[in-house]
Amino acid sequence: REVVAKGSPVYLDAMPAFERKVIHQTLQNSKYVATQSSGQYPYRF
C-alpha cells in the first residue's frame, strides 16, 4: 500500500530466506507491486 501511494520502492530489513519467501508469496499475484530480493547472505532483503 505504501509503494502504491508513494510510487517508489520500499526496502525491507534483511531477513532469512524462509521469511523473504512469505513476502514474495503474499504479493506474487498483485497487479500493482512486484518484489525482488537483493543483497548478499546473511543481509539479503
PDB file of all heavy atoms in Angstrom:
ATOM      1  N   ARG A   1       0.830  -1.209   0.000  1.00  0.00           N
ATOM      2  CA  ARG A   1       0.000   0.000   0.000  1.00  0.00           C
ATOM      3  C   ARG A   1       0.865   1.260   0.000  1.00  0.00           C
ATOM      4  O   ARG A   1       0.562   2.246  -0.666  1.00  0.00           O
ATOM      5  CB  ARG A   1      -0.938  -0.005   1.202  1.00  0.00           C
ATOM      6  CG  ARG A   1      -2.032  -1.031   1.088  1.00  0.00           C
ATOM      7  CD  ARG A   1      -2.944  -1.020   2.287  1.00  0.00           C
ATOM      8  NE  ARG A   1      -3.966  -2.041   2.153  1.00  0.00           N
ATOM      9  CZ  ARG A   1      -4.519  -2.681   3.143  1.00  0.00           C
ATOM     10  NH1 ARG A   1      -4.174  -2.401   4.390  1.00  0.00           N
ATOM     11  NH2 ARG A   1      -5.430  -3.601   2.929  1.00  0.00           N
ATOM     12  N   GLU A   2       1.952   1.202   0.776  1.00  0.00           N
ATOM     13  CA  GLU A   2       2.873   2.344   0.834  1.00  0.00           C
ATOM     14  C   GLU A   2       3.534   2.575  -0.528  1.00  0.00           C
ATOM     15  O   GLU A   2       3.669   3.716  -0.970  1.00  0.00           O
ATOM     16  CB  GLU A   2       3.945   2.071   1.897  1.00  0.00           C
ATOM     17  CG  GLU A   2       4.924   3.193   2.093  1.00  0.00           C
ATOM     18  CD  GLU A   2       5.967   2.868   3.161  1.00  0.00           C
ATOM     19  OE1 GLU A   2       5.737   1.969   3.991  1.00  0.00           O
ATOM     20  OE2 GLU A   2       7.022   3.521   3.140  1.00  0.00           O
ATOM     21  N   VAL A   3       3.921   1.504  -1.197  1.00  0.00           N
ATOM     22  CA  VAL A   3       4.558   1.612  -2.513  1.00  0.00           C
ATOM     23  C   VAL A   3       3.593   2.213  -3.524  1.00  0.00           C
ATOM     24  O   VAL A   3       3.961   3.095  -4.301  1.00  0.00           O
ATOM     25  CB  VAL A   3       5.070   0.231  -2.991  1.00  0.00           C
ATOM     26  CG1 VAL A   3       5.462   0.253  -4.455  1.00  0.00           C
ATOM     27  CG2 VAL A   3       6.235  -0.227  -2.128  1.00  0.00           C
ATOM     28  N   VAL A   4       2.354   1.760  -3.510  1.00  0.00           N
ATOM     29  CA  VAL A   4       1.354   2.289  -4.430  1.00  0.00           C
ATOM     30  C   VAL A   4       1.097   3.772  -4.144  1.00  0.00           C
ATOM     31  O   VAL A   4       1.022   4.593  -5.068  1.00  0.00           O
ATOM     32  CB  VAL A   4       0.038   1.477  -4.348  1.00  0.00           C
ATOM     33  CG1 VAL A   4      -1.074   2.173  -5.107  1.00  0.00           C
ATOM     34  CG2 VAL A   4       0.264   0.060  -4.866  1.00  0.00           C
ATOM     35  N   ALA A   5       1.004   4.138  -2.879  1.00  0.00           N
ATOM     36  CA  ALA A   5       0.737   5.533  -2.506  1.00  0.00           C
ATOM     37  C   ALA A   5       1.896   6.453  -2.886  1.00  0.00           C
ATOM     38  O   ALA A   5       1.676   7.548  -3.402  1.00  0.00           O
ATOM     39  CB  ALA A   5       0.454   5.633  -1.006  1.00  0.00           C
ATOM     40  N   LYS A   6       3.123   6.010  -2.624  1.00  0.00           N
ATOM     41  CA  LYS A   6       4.299   6.837  -2.891  1.00  0.00           C
ATOM     42  C   LYS A   6       4.773   6.745  -4.339  1.00  0.00           C
ATOM     43  O   LYS A   6       5.394   7.674  -4.848  1.00  0.00           O
ATOM     44  CB  LYS A   6       5.468   6.426  -1.987  1.00  0.00           C
ATOM     45  CG  LYS A   6       5.309   6.806  -0.552  1.00  0.00           C
ATOM     46  CD  LYS A   6       6.567   6.415   0.196  1.00  0.00           C
ATOM     47  CE  LYS A   6       6.534   6.858   1.637  1.00  0.00           C
ATOM     48  NZ  LYS A   6       7.767   6.498   2.358  1.00  0.00           N
ATOM     49  N   GLY A   7       4.552   5.592  -4.950  1.00  0.00           N
ATOM     50  CA  GLY A   7       5.039   5.377  -6.305  1.00  0.00           C
ATOM     51  C   GLY A   7       6.530   5.084  -6.363  1.00  0.00           C
ATOM     52  O   GLY A   7       7.139   5.172  -7.425  1.00  0.00           O
ATOM     53  N   SER A   8       7.121   4.769  -5.227  1.00  0.00           N
ATOM     54  CA  SER A   8       8.558   4.467  -5.194  1.00  0.00           C
ATOM     55  C   SER A   8       8.806   3.183  -4.393  1.00  0.00           C
ATOM     56  O   SER A   8       7.995   2.803  -3.558  1.00  0.00           O
ATOM     57  CB  SER A   8       9.332   5.632  -4.583  1.00  0.00           C
ATOM     58  OG  SER A   8       8.903   5.873  -3.266  1.00  0.00           O
ATOM     59  N   PRO A   9       9.943   2.526  -4.648  1.00  0.00           N
ATOM     60  CA  PRO A   9      10.233   1.259  -3.966  1.00  0.00           C
ATOM     61  C   PRO A   9      10.415   1.424  -2.465  1.00  0.00           C
ATOM     62  O   PRO A   9      10.807   2.486  -1.988  1.00  0.00           O
ATOM     63  CB  PRO A   9      11.547   0.795  -4.588  1.00  0.00           C
ATOM     64  CG  PRO A   9      11.804   1.669  -5.746  1.00  0.00           C
ATOM     65  CD  PRO A   9      10.988   2.891  -5.595  1.00  0.00           C
ATOM     66  N   VAL A  10      10.138   0.340  -1.732  1.00  0.00           N
ATOM     67  CA  VAL A  10      10.384   0.284  -0.298  1.00  0.00           C
ATOM     68  C   VAL A  10      11.312  -0.895  -0.045  1.00  0.00           C
ATOM     69  O   VAL A  10      11.091  -2.001  -0.560  1.00  0.00           O
ATOM     70  CB  VAL A  10       9.074   0.119   0.499  1.00  0.00           C
ATOM     71  CG1 VAL A  10       9.359  -0.154   1.970  1.00  0.00           C
ATOM     72  CG2 VAL A  10       8.198   1.346   0.350  1.00  0.00           C
ATOM     73  N   TYR A  11      12.366  -0.651   0.721  1.00  0.00           N
ATOM     74  CA  TYR A  11      13.357  -1.676   1.055  1.00  0.00           C
ATOM     75  C   TYR A  11      13.070  -2.181   2.469  1.00  0.00           C
ATOM     76  O   TYR A  11      13.094  -1.402   3.410  1.00  0.00           O
ATOM     77  CB  TYR A  11      14.766  -1.085   0.994  1.00  0.00           C
ATOM     78  CG  TYR A  11      15.149  -0.626  -0.395  1.00  0.00           C
ATOM     79  CD1 TYR A  11      14.650   0.560  -0.924  1.00  0.00           C
ATOM     80  CD2 TYR A  11      16.001  -1.387  -1.179  1.00  0.00           C
ATOM     81  CE1 TYR A  11      14.991   0.978  -2.193  1.00  0.00           C
ATOM     82  CE2 TYR A  11      16.358  -0.973  -2.455  1.00  0.00           C
ATOM     83  CZ  TYR A  11      15.841   0.209  -2.958  1.00  0.00           C
ATOM     84  OH  TYR A  11      16.179   0.619  -4.224  1.00  0.00           O
ATOM     85  N   LEU A  12      12.819  -3.467   2.591  1.00  0.00           N
ATOM     86  CA  LEU A  12      12.565  -4.063   3.902  1.00  0.00           C
ATOM     87  C   LEU A  12      13.890  -4.459   4.546  1.00  0.00           C
ATOM     88  O   LEU A  12      14.909  -4.585   3.871  1.00  0.00           O
ATOM     89  CB  LEU A  12      11.666  -5.288   3.761  1.00  0.00           C
ATOM     90  CG  LEU A  12      10.271  -5.020   3.183  1.00  0.00           C
ATOM     91  CD1 LEU A  12       9.497  -6.327   3.030  1.00  0.00           C
ATOM     92  CD2 LEU A  12       9.504  -4.046   4.046  1.00  0.00           C
ATOM     93  N   ASP A  13      13.860  -4.665   5.861  1.00  0.00           N
ATOM     94  CA  ASP A  13      15.053  -5.098   6.577  1.00  0.00           C
ATOM     95  C   ASP A  13      15.489  -6.485   6.109  1.00  0.00           C
ATOM     96  O   ASP A  13      14.682  -7.261   5.593  1.00  0.00           O
ATOM     97  CB  ASP A  13      14.785  -5.151   8.085  1.00  0.00           C
ATOM     98  CG  ASP A  13      14.580  -3.773   8.689  1.00  0.00           C
ATOM     99  OD1 ASP A  13      15.101  -2.787   8.126  1.00  0.00           O
ATOM    100  OD2 ASP A  13      13.908  -3.681   9.737  1.00  0.00           O
ATOM    101  N   ALA A  14      16.754  -6.806   6.331  1.00  0.00           N
ATOM    102  CA  ALA A  14      17.274  -8.129   5.996  1.00  0.00           C
ATOM    103  C   ALA A  14      16.520  -9.185   6.791  1.00  0.00           C
ATOM    104  O   ALA A  14      16.130  -8.960   7.938  1.00  0.00           O
ATOM    105  CB  ALA A  14      18.762  -8.192   6.308  1.00  0.00           C
ATOM    106  N   MET A  15      16.298 -10.336   6.139  1.00  0.00           N
ATOM    107  CA  MET A  15      15.595 -11.436   6.797  1.00  0.00           C
ATOM    108  C   MET A  15      16.018 -12.752   6.163  1.00  0.00           C
ATOM    109  O   MET A  15      16.510 -12.766   5.034  1.00  0.00           O
ATOM    110  CB  MET A  15      14.080 -11.233   6.735  1.00  0.00           C
ATOM    111  CG  MET A  15      13.495 -11.112   5.362  1.00  0.00           C
ATOM    112  SD  MET A  15      11.718 -10.759   5.336  1.00  0.00           S
ATOM    113  CE  MET A  15      11.662  -9.032   5.725  1.00  0.00           C
ATOM    114  N   PRO A  16      15.817 -13.854   6.885  1.00  0.00           N
ATOM    115  CA  PRO A  16      16.179 -15.165   6.340  1.00  0.00           C
ATOM    116  C   PRO A  16      15.331 -15.523   5.123  1.00  0.00           C
ATOM    117  O   PRO A  16      14.243 -14.960   4.908  1.00  0.00           O
ATOM    118  CB  PRO A  16      15.879 -16.130   7.487  1.00  0.00           C
ATOM    119  CG  PRO A  16      15.604 -15.314   8.685  1.00  0.00           C
ATOM    120  CD  PRO A  16      15.286 -13.932   8.238  1.00  0.00           C
ATOM    121  N   ALA A  17      15.816 -16.464   4.340  1.00  0.00           N
ATOM    122  CA  ALA A  17      15.147 -16.858   3.099  1.00  0.00           C
ATOM    123  C   ALA A  17      13.692 -17.266   3.311  1.00  0.00           C
ATOM    124  O   ALA A  17      12.814 -16.873   2.545  1.00  0.00           O
ATOM    125  CB  ALA A  17      15.915 -17.996   2.434  1.00  0.00           C
ATOM    126  N   PHE A  18      13.414 -18.047   4.360  1.00  0.00           N
ATOM    127  CA  PHE A  18      12.044 -18.513   4.562  1.00  0.00           C
ATOM    128  C   PHE A  18      11.096 -17.363   4.901  1.00  0.00           C
ATOM    129  O   PHE A  18       9.909 -17.440   4.625  1.00  0.00           O
ATOM    130  CB  PHE A  18      11.962 -19.639   5.602  1.00  0.00           C
ATOM    131  CG  PHE A  18      12.526 -19.307   6.956  1.00  0.00           C
ATOM    132  CD1 PHE A  18      11.728 -18.753   7.935  1.00  0.00           C
ATOM    133  CD2 PHE A  18      13.851 -19.566   7.247  1.00  0.00           C
ATOM    134  CE1 PHE A  18      12.243 -18.459   9.186  1.00  0.00           C
ATOM    135  CE2 PHE A  18      14.377 -19.291   8.495  1.00  0.00           C
ATOM    136  CZ  PHE A  18      13.575 -18.721   9.463  1.00  0.00           C
ATOM    137  N   GLU A  19      11.609 -16.267   5.466  1.00  0.00           N
ATOM    138  CA  GLU A  19      10.773 -15.096   5.735  1.00  0.00           C
ATOM    139  C   GLU A  19      10.599 -14.261   4.460  1.00  0.00           C
ATOM    140  O   GLU A  19       9.509 -13.743   4.195  1.00  0.00           O
ATOM    141  CB  GLU A  19      11.357 -14.259   6.862  1.00  0.00           C
ATOM    142  CG  GLU A  19      11.264 -14.944   8.216  1.00  0.00           C
ATOM    143  CD  GLU A  19      11.671 -14.052   9.375  1.00  0.00           C
ATOM    144  OE1 GLU A  19      12.148 -12.917   9.142  1.00  0.00           O
ATOM    145  OE2 GLU A  19      11.532 -14.496  10.522  1.00  0.00           O
ATOM    146  N   ARG A  20      11.661 -14.119   3.665  1.00  0.00           N
ATOM    147  CA  ARG A  20      11.536 -13.396   2.393  1.00  0.00           C
ATOM    148  C   ARG A  20      10.517 -14.079   1.497  1.00  0.00           C
ATOM    149  O   ARG A  20       9.738 -13.430   0.801  1.00  0.00           O
ATOM    150  CB  ARG A  20      12.892 -13.316   1.676  1.00  0.00           C
ATOM    151  CG  ARG A  20      13.901 -12.422   2.352  1.00  0.00           C
ATOM    152  CD  ARG A  20      15.100 -12.133   1.461  1.00  0.00           C
ATOM    153  NE  ARG A  20      15.676 -13.306   0.833  1.00  0.00           N
ATOM    154  CZ  ARG A  20      16.611 -14.083   1.368  1.00  0.00           C
ATOM    155  NH1 ARG A  20      17.087 -13.826   2.567  1.00  0.00           N
ATOM    156  NH2 ARG A  20      17.079 -15.124   0.700  1.00  0.00           N
ATOM    157  N   LYS A  21      10.514 -15.402   1.550  1.00  0.00           N
ATOM    158  CA  LYS A  21       9.583 -16.189   0.733  1.00  0.00           C
ATOM    159  C   LYS A  21       8.129 -15.838   1.060  1.00  0.00           C
ATOM    160  O   LYS A  21       7.288 -15.756   0.164  1.00  0.00           O
ATOM    161  CB  LYS A  21       9.837 -17.679   0.949  1.00  0.00           C
ATOM    162  CG  LYS A  21       9.020 -18.575   0.073  1.00  0.00           C
ATOM    163  CD  LYS A  21       9.400 -20.031   0.295  1.00  0.00           C
ATOM    164  CE  LYS A  21       8.574 -20.950  -0.572  1.00  0.00           C
ATOM    165  NZ  LYS A  21       8.936 -22.359  -0.367  1.00  0.00           N
ATOM    166  N   VAL A  22       7.824 -15.604   2.320  1.00  0.00           N
ATOM    167  CA  VAL A  22       6.454 -15.234   2.723  1.00  0.00           C
ATOM    168  C   VAL A  22       6.067 -13.903   2.074  1.00  0.00           C
ATOM    169  O   VAL A  22       4.951 -13.758   1.556  1.00  0.00           O
ATOM    170  CB  VAL A  22       6.325 -15.148   4.262  1.00  0.00           C
ATOM    171  CG1 VAL A  22       4.968 -14.591   4.670  1.00  0.00           C
ATOM    172  CG2 VAL A  22       6.562 -16.507   4.900  1.00  0.00           C
ATOM    173  N   ILE A  23       6.978 -12.935   2.073  1.00  0.00           N
ATOM    174  CA  ILE A  23       6.708 -11.633   1.449  1.00  0.00           C
ATOM    175  C   ILE A  23       6.446 -11.821  -0.040  1.00  0.00           C
ATOM    176  O   ILE A  23       5.454 -11.307  -0.593  1.00  0.00           O
ATOM    177  CB  ILE A  23       7.890 -10.651   1.667  1.00  0.00           C
ATOM    178  CG1 ILE A  23       8.199 -10.451   3.151  1.00  0.00           C
ATOM    179  CG2 ILE A  23       7.624  -9.327   0.950  1.00  0.00           C
ATOM    180  CD1 ILE A  23       7.174  -9.697   3.941  1.00  0.00           C
ATOM    181  N   HIS A  24       7.339 -12.559  -0.726  1.00  0.00           N
ATOM    182  CA  HIS A  24       7.186 -12.792  -2.162  1.00  0.00           C
ATOM    183  C   HIS A  24       5.853 -13.491  -2.476  1.00  0.00           C
ATOM    184  O   HIS A  24       5.135 -13.079  -3.390  1.00  0.00           O
ATOM    185  CB  HIS A  24       8.340 -13.632  -2.709  1.00  0.00           C
ATOM    186  CG  HIS A  24       9.665 -12.934  -2.713  1.00  0.00           C
ATOM    187  ND1 HIS A  24       9.905 -11.760  -3.388  1.00  0.00           N
ATOM    188  CD2 HIS A  24      10.843 -13.267  -2.122  1.00  0.00           C
ATOM    189  CE1 HIS A  24      11.167 -11.400  -3.222  1.00  0.00           C
ATOM    190  NE2 HIS A  24      11.756 -12.290  -2.442  1.00  0.00           N
ATOM    191  N   GLN A  25       5.530 -14.522  -1.721  1.00  0.00           N
ATOM    192  CA  GLN A  25       4.298 -15.276  -1.969  1.00  0.00           C
ATOM    193  C   GLN A  25       3.053 -14.429  -1.711  1.00  0.00           C
ATOM    194  O   GLN A  25       2.070 -14.533  -2.441  1.00  0.00           O
ATOM    195  CB  GLN A  25       4.249 -16.536  -1.107  1.00  0.00           C
ATOM    196  CG  GLN A  25       5.195 -17.604  -1.567  1.00  0.00           C
ATOM    197  CD  GLN A  25       5.204 -18.818  -0.656  1.00  0.00           C
ATOM    198  OE1 GLN A  25       4.883 -18.731   0.531  1.00  0.00           O
ATOM    199  NE2 GLN A  25       5.602 -19.960  -1.191  1.00  0.00           N
ATOM    200  N   THR A  26       3.093 -13.600  -0.695  1.00  0.00           N
ATOM    201  CA  THR A  26       1.937 -12.770  -0.364  1.00  0.00           C
ATOM    202  C   THR A  26       1.629 -11.781  -1.478  1.00  0.00           C
ATOM    203  O   THR A  26       0.468 -11.510  -1.776  1.00  0.00           O
ATOM    204  CB  THR A  26       2.173 -12.023   0.968  1.00  0.00           C
ATOM    205  OG1 THR A  26       2.421 -12.981   1.997  1.00  0.00           O
ATOM    206  CG2 THR A  26       0.968 -11.167   1.347  1.00  0.00           C
ATOM    207  N   LEU A  27       2.663 -11.261  -2.121  1.00  0.00           N
ATOM    208  CA  LEU A  27       2.472 -10.221  -3.137  1.00  0.00           C
ATOM    209  C   LEU A  27       2.598 -10.726  -4.567  1.00  0.00           C
ATOM    210  O   LEU A  27       2.507  -9.923  -5.503  1.00  0.00           O
ATOM    211  CB  LEU A  27       3.479  -9.087  -2.891  1.00  0.00           C
ATOM    212  CG  LEU A  27       3.341  -8.383  -1.536  1.00  0.00           C
ATOM    213  CD1 LEU A  27       4.427  -7.334  -1.363  1.00  0.00           C
ATOM    214  CD2 LEU A  27       1.955  -7.774  -1.386  1.00  0.00           C
ATOM    215  N   GLN A  28       2.776 -12.014  -4.771  1.00  0.00           N
ATOM    216  CA  GLN A  28       3.050 -12.533  -6.112  1.00  0.00           C
ATOM    217  C   GLN A  28       1.935 -12.289  -7.124  1.00  0.00           C
ATOM    218  O   GLN A  28       2.198 -12.162  -8.322  1.00  0.00           O
ATOM    219  CB  GLN A  28       3.399 -14.019  -6.061  1.00  0.00           C
ATOM    220  CG  GLN A  28       2.240 -14.942  -5.762  1.00  0.00           C
ATOM    221  CD  GLN A  28       2.685 -16.384  -5.655  1.00  0.00           C
ATOM    222  OE1 GLN A  28       3.855 -16.704  -5.889  1.00  0.00           O
ATOM    223  NE2 GLN A  28       1.776 -17.263  -5.288  1.00  0.00           N
ATOM    224  N   ASN A  29       0.700 -12.205  -6.701  1.00  0.00           N
ATOM    225  CA  ASN A  29      -0.413 -12.003  -7.633  1.00  0.00           C
ATOM    226  C   ASN A  29      -0.887 -10.552  -7.701  1.00  0.00           C
ATOM    227  O   ASN A  29      -1.923 -10.275  -8.299  1.00  0.00           O
ATOM    228  CB  ASN A  29      -1.584 -12.915  -7.259  1.00  0.00           C
ATOM    229  CG  ASN A  29      -1.224 -14.375  -7.419  1.00  0.00           C
ATOM    230  OD1 ASN A  29      -0.503 -14.747  -8.339  1.00  0.00           O
ATOM    231  ND2 ASN A  29      -1.702 -15.205  -6.511  1.00  0.00           N
ATOM    232  N   SER A  30      -0.138  -9.653  -7.112  1.00  0.00           N
ATOM    233  CA  SER A  30      -0.530  -8.250  -7.116  1.00  0.00           C
ATOM    234  C   SER A  30      -0.327  -7.631  -8.494  1.00  0.00           C
ATOM    235  O   SER A  30       0.696  -7.856  -9.144  1.00  0.00           O
ATOM    236  CB  SER A  30       0.298  -7.460  -6.095  1.00  0.00           C
ATOM    237  OG  SER A  30       0.013  -6.088  -6.205  1.00  0.00           O
ATOM    238  N   LYS A  31      -1.297  -6.844  -8.934  1.00  0.00           N
ATOM    239  CA  LYS A  31      -1.193  -6.126 -10.198  1.00  0.00           C
ATOM    240  C   LYS A  31      -0.397  -4.838 -10.034  1.00  0.00           C
ATOM    241  O   LYS A  31       0.061  -4.264 -11.012  1.00  0.00           O
ATOM    242  CB  LYS A  31      -2.586  -5.768 -10.715  1.00  0.00           C
ATOM    243  CG  LYS A  31      -3.469  -6.935 -11.016  1.00  0.00           C
ATOM    244  CD  LYS A  31      -4.845  -6.451 -11.428  1.00  0.00           C
ATOM    245  CE  LYS A  31      -5.804  -7.603 -11.561  1.00  0.00           C
ATOM    246  NZ  LYS A  31      -7.179  -7.165 -11.848  1.00  0.00           N
ATOM    247  N   TYR A  32      -0.224  -4.390  -8.807  1.00  0.00           N
ATOM    248  CA  TYR A  32       0.305  -3.055  -8.553  1.00  0.00           C
ATOM    249  C   TYR A  32       1.748  -3.018  -8.065  1.00  0.00           C
ATOM    250  O   TYR A  32       2.407  -1.995  -8.182  1.00  0.00           O
ATOM    251  CB  TYR A  32      -0.597  -2.332  -7.556  1.00  0.00           C
ATOM    252  CG  TYR A  32      -2.033  -2.365  -7.984  1.00  0.00           C
ATOM    253  CD1 TYR A  32      -2.955  -3.195  -7.344  1.00  0.00           C
ATOM    254  CD2 TYR A  32      -2.466  -1.599  -9.051  1.00  0.00           C
ATOM    255  CE1 TYR A  32      -4.273  -3.254  -7.763  1.00  0.00           C
ATOM    256  CE2 TYR A  32      -3.788  -1.650  -9.482  1.00  0.00           C
ATOM    257  CZ  TYR A  32      -4.684  -2.476  -8.832  1.00  0.00           C
ATOM    258  OH  TYR A  32      -5.985  -2.532  -9.248  1.00  0.00           O
ATOM    259  N   VAL A  33       2.226  -4.128  -7.498  1.00  0.00           N
ATOM    260  CA  VAL A  33       3.605  -4.161  -6.994  1.00  0.00           C
ATOM    261  C   VAL A  33       4.302  -5.449  -7.420  1.00  0.00           C
ATOM    262  O   VAL A  33       3.660  -6.454  -7.725  1.00  0.00           O
ATOM    263  CB  VAL A  33       3.676  -4.032  -5.453  1.00  0.00           C
ATOM    264  CG1 VAL A  33       3.131  -2.702  -4.986  1.00  0.00           C
ATOM    265  CG2 VAL A  33       2.989  -5.184  -4.761  1.00  0.00           C
ATOM    266  N   ALA A  34       5.621  -5.381  -7.420  1.00  0.00           N
ATOM    267  CA  ALA A  34       6.466  -6.555  -7.669  1.00  0.00           C
ATOM    268  C   ALA A  34       7.483  -6.628  -6.540  1.00  0.00           C
ATOM    269  O   ALA A  34       7.721  -5.632  -5.845  1.00  0.00           O
ATOM    270  CB  ALA A  34       7.162  -6.422  -9.018  1.00  0.00           C
ATOM    271  N   THR A  35       8.076  -7.797  -6.357  1.00  0.00           N
ATOM    272  CA  THR A  35       9.081  -7.952  -5.304  1.00  0.00           C
ATOM    273  C   THR A  35      10.349  -8.549  -5.897  1.00  0.00           C
ATOM    274  O   THR A  35      10.304  -9.254  -6.914  1.00  0.00           O
ATOM    275  CB  THR A  35       8.587  -8.885  -4.185  1.00  0.00           C
ATOM    276  OG1 THR A  35       8.318 -10.180  -4.728  1.00  0.00           O
ATOM    277  CG2 THR A  35       7.351  -8.333  -3.502  1.00  0.00           C
ATOM    278  N   GLN A  36      11.447  -8.245  -5.249  1.00  0.00           N
ATOM    279  CA  GLN A  36      12.706  -8.896  -5.592  1.00  0.00           C
ATOM    280  C   GLN A  36      13.595  -8.911  -4.366  1.00  0.00           C
ATOM    281  O   GLN A  36      13.493  -8.040  -3.507  1.00  0.00           O
ATOM    282  CB  GLN A  36      13.398  -8.216  -6.766  1.00  0.00           C
ATOM    283  CG  GLN A  36      13.882  -6.812  -6.484  1.00  0.00           C
ATOM    284  CD  GLN A  36      14.490  -6.158  -7.720  1.00  0.00           C
ATOM    285  OE1 GLN A  36      13.915  -6.236  -8.790  1.00  0.00           O
ATOM    286  NE2 GLN A  36      15.634  -5.526  -7.551  1.00  0.00           N
ATOM    287  N   SER A  37      14.446  -9.922  -4.281  1.00  0.00           N
ATOM    288  CA  SER A  37      15.423  -9.993  -3.196  1.00  0.00           C
ATOM    289  C   SER A  37      16.731  -9.412  -3.685  1.00  0.00           C
ATOM    290  O   SER A  37      17.075  -9.531  -4.855  1.00  0.00           O
ATOM    291  CB  SER A  37      15.637 -11.439  -2.750  1.00  0.00           C
ATOM    292  OG  SER A  37      14.516 -11.919  -2.058  1.00  0.00           O
ATOM    293  N   SER A  38      17.449  -8.792  -2.768  1.00  0.00           N
ATOM    294  CA  SER A  38      18.727  -8.194  -3.111  1.00  0.00           C
ATOM    295  C   SER A  38      19.671  -8.350  -1.923  1.00  0.00           C
ATOM    296  O   SER A  38      19.247  -8.647  -0.816  1.00  0.00           O
ATOM    297  CB  SER A  38      18.531  -6.723  -3.463  1.00  0.00           C
ATOM    298  OG  SER A  38      19.728  -6.170  -3.969  1.00  0.00           O
ATOM    299  N   GLY A  39      20.954  -8.104  -2.163  1.00  0.00           N
ATOM    300  CA  GLY A  39      21.943  -8.206  -1.099  1.00  0.00           C
ATOM    301  C   GLY A  39      22.575  -9.581  -1.053  1.00  0.00           C
ATOM    302  O   GLY A  39      22.221 -10.468  -1.815  1.00  0.00           O
ATOM    303  N   GLN A  40      23.526  -9.726  -0.163  1.00  0.00           N
ATOM    304  CA  GLN A  40      24.247 -10.980  -0.024  1.00  0.00           C
ATOM    305  C   GLN A  40      23.957 -11.587   1.349  1.00  0.00           C
ATOM    306  O   GLN A  40      23.829 -10.859   2.330  1.00  0.00           O
ATOM    307  CB  GLN A  40      25.745 -10.732  -0.178  1.00  0.00           C
ATOM    308  CG  GLN A  40      26.094 -10.163  -1.518  1.00  0.00           C
ATOM    309  CD  GLN A  40      27.179 -10.952  -2.204  1.00  0.00           C
ATOM    310  OE1 GLN A  40      27.862 -11.725  -1.584  1.00  0.00           O
ATOM    311  NE2 GLN A  40      27.317 -10.753  -3.491  1.00  0.00           N
ATOM    312  N   TYR A  41      23.896 -12.902   1.394  1.00  0.00           N
ATOM    313  CA  TYR A  41      23.664 -13.611   2.639  1.00  0.00           C
ATOM    314  C   TYR A  41      24.704 -13.185   3.664  1.00  0.00           C
ATOM    315  O   TYR A  41      25.859 -13.052   3.332  1.00  0.00           O
ATOM    316  CB  TYR A  41      23.749 -15.129   2.398  1.00  0.00           C
ATOM    317  CG  TYR A  41      23.631 -15.940   3.662  1.00  0.00           C
ATOM    318  CD1 TYR A  41      22.385 -16.210   4.193  1.00  0.00           C
ATOM    319  CD2 TYR A  41      24.759 -16.408   4.331  1.00  0.00           C
ATOM    320  CE1 TYR A  41      22.270 -16.943   5.367  1.00  0.00           C
ATOM    321  CE2 TYR A  41      24.652 -17.130   5.499  1.00  0.00           C
ATOM    322  CZ  TYR A  41      23.406 -17.400   6.006  1.00  0.00           C
ATOM    323  OH  TYR A  41      23.294 -18.110   7.163  1.00  0.00           O
ATOM    324  N   PRO A  42      24.376 -12.898   4.881  1.00  0.00           N
ATOM    325  CA  PRO A  42      23.078 -13.017   5.549  1.00  0.00           C
ATOM    326  C   PRO A  42      22.283 -11.714   5.551  1.00  0.00           C
ATOM    327  O   PRO A  42      21.365 -11.545   6.328  1.00  0.00           O
ATOM    328  CB  PRO A  42      23.480 -13.400   6.970  1.00  0.00           C
ATOM    329  CG  PRO A  42      24.743 -12.650   7.209  1.00  0.00           C
ATOM    330  CD  PRO A  42      25.447 -12.644   5.865  1.00  0.00           C
ATOM    331  N   TYR A  43      22.646 -10.793   4.680  1.00  0.00           N
ATOM    332  CA  TYR A  43      21.997  -9.476   4.664  1.00  0.00           C
ATOM    333  C   TYR A  43      21.068  -9.307   3.467  1.00  0.00           C
ATOM    334  O   TYR A  43      20.882  -8.196   2.990  1.00  0.00           O
ATOM    335  CB  TYR A  43      23.059  -8.371   4.693  1.00  0.00           C
ATOM    336  CG  TYR A  43      24.000  -8.500   5.858  1.00  0.00           C
ATOM    337  CD1 TYR A  43      25.307  -8.927   5.685  1.00  0.00           C
ATOM    338  CD2 TYR A  43      23.550  -8.258   7.150  1.00  0.00           C
ATOM    339  CE1 TYR A  43      26.161  -9.077   6.766  1.00  0.00           C
ATOM    340  CE2 TYR A  43      24.395  -8.409   8.241  1.00  0.00           C
ATOM    341  CZ  TYR A  43      25.698  -8.815   8.042  1.00  0.00           C
ATOM    342  OH  TYR A  43      26.536  -8.979   9.116  1.00  0.00           O
ATOM    343  N   ARG A  44      20.470 -10.392   2.982  1.00  0.00           N
ATOM    344  CA  ARG A  44      19.527 -10.281   1.865  1.00  0.00           C
ATOM    345  C   ARG A  44      18.216  -9.689   2.368  1.00  0.00           C
ATOM    346  O   ARG A  44      17.776  -9.968   3.467  1.00  0.00           O
ATOM    347  CB  ARG A  44      19.291 -11.634   1.205  1.00  0.00           C
ATOM    348  CG  ARG A  44      20.501 -12.043   0.362  1.00  0.00           C
ATOM    349  CD  ARG A  44      20.287 -13.285  -0.441  1.00  0.00           C
ATOM    350  NE  ARG A  44      19.247 -13.257  -1.445  1.00  0.00           N
ATOM    351  CZ  ARG A  44      19.342 -12.700  -2.648  1.00  0.00           C
ATOM    352  NH1 ARG A  44      20.438 -12.073  -2.998  1.00  0.00           N
ATOM    353  NH2 ARG A  44      18.340 -12.763  -3.503  1.00  0.00           N
ATOM    354  N   PHE A  45      17.637  -8.867   1.531  1.00  0.00           N
ATOM    355  CA  PHE A  45      16.409  -8.177   1.902  1.00  0.00           C
ATOM    356  C   PHE A  45      15.474  -8.149   0.709  1.00  0.00           C
ATOM    357  O   PHE A  45      15.864  -8.472  -0.418  1.00  0.00           O
ATOM    358  CB  PHE A  45      16.721  -6.748   2.377  1.00  0.00           C
ATOM    359  CG  PHE A  45      17.491  -5.932   1.372  1.00  0.00           C
ATOM    360  CD1 PHE A  45      16.835  -5.120   0.458  1.00  0.00           C
ATOM    361  CD2 PHE A  45      18.885  -5.966   1.357  1.00  0.00           C
ATOM    362  CE1 PHE A  45      17.547  -4.385  -0.478  1.00  0.00           C
ATOM    363  CE2 PHE A  45      19.605  -5.223   0.435  1.00  0.00           C
ATOM    364  CZ  PHE A  45      18.942  -4.431  -0.486  1.00  0.00           C
TER     365      PHE A  45
END
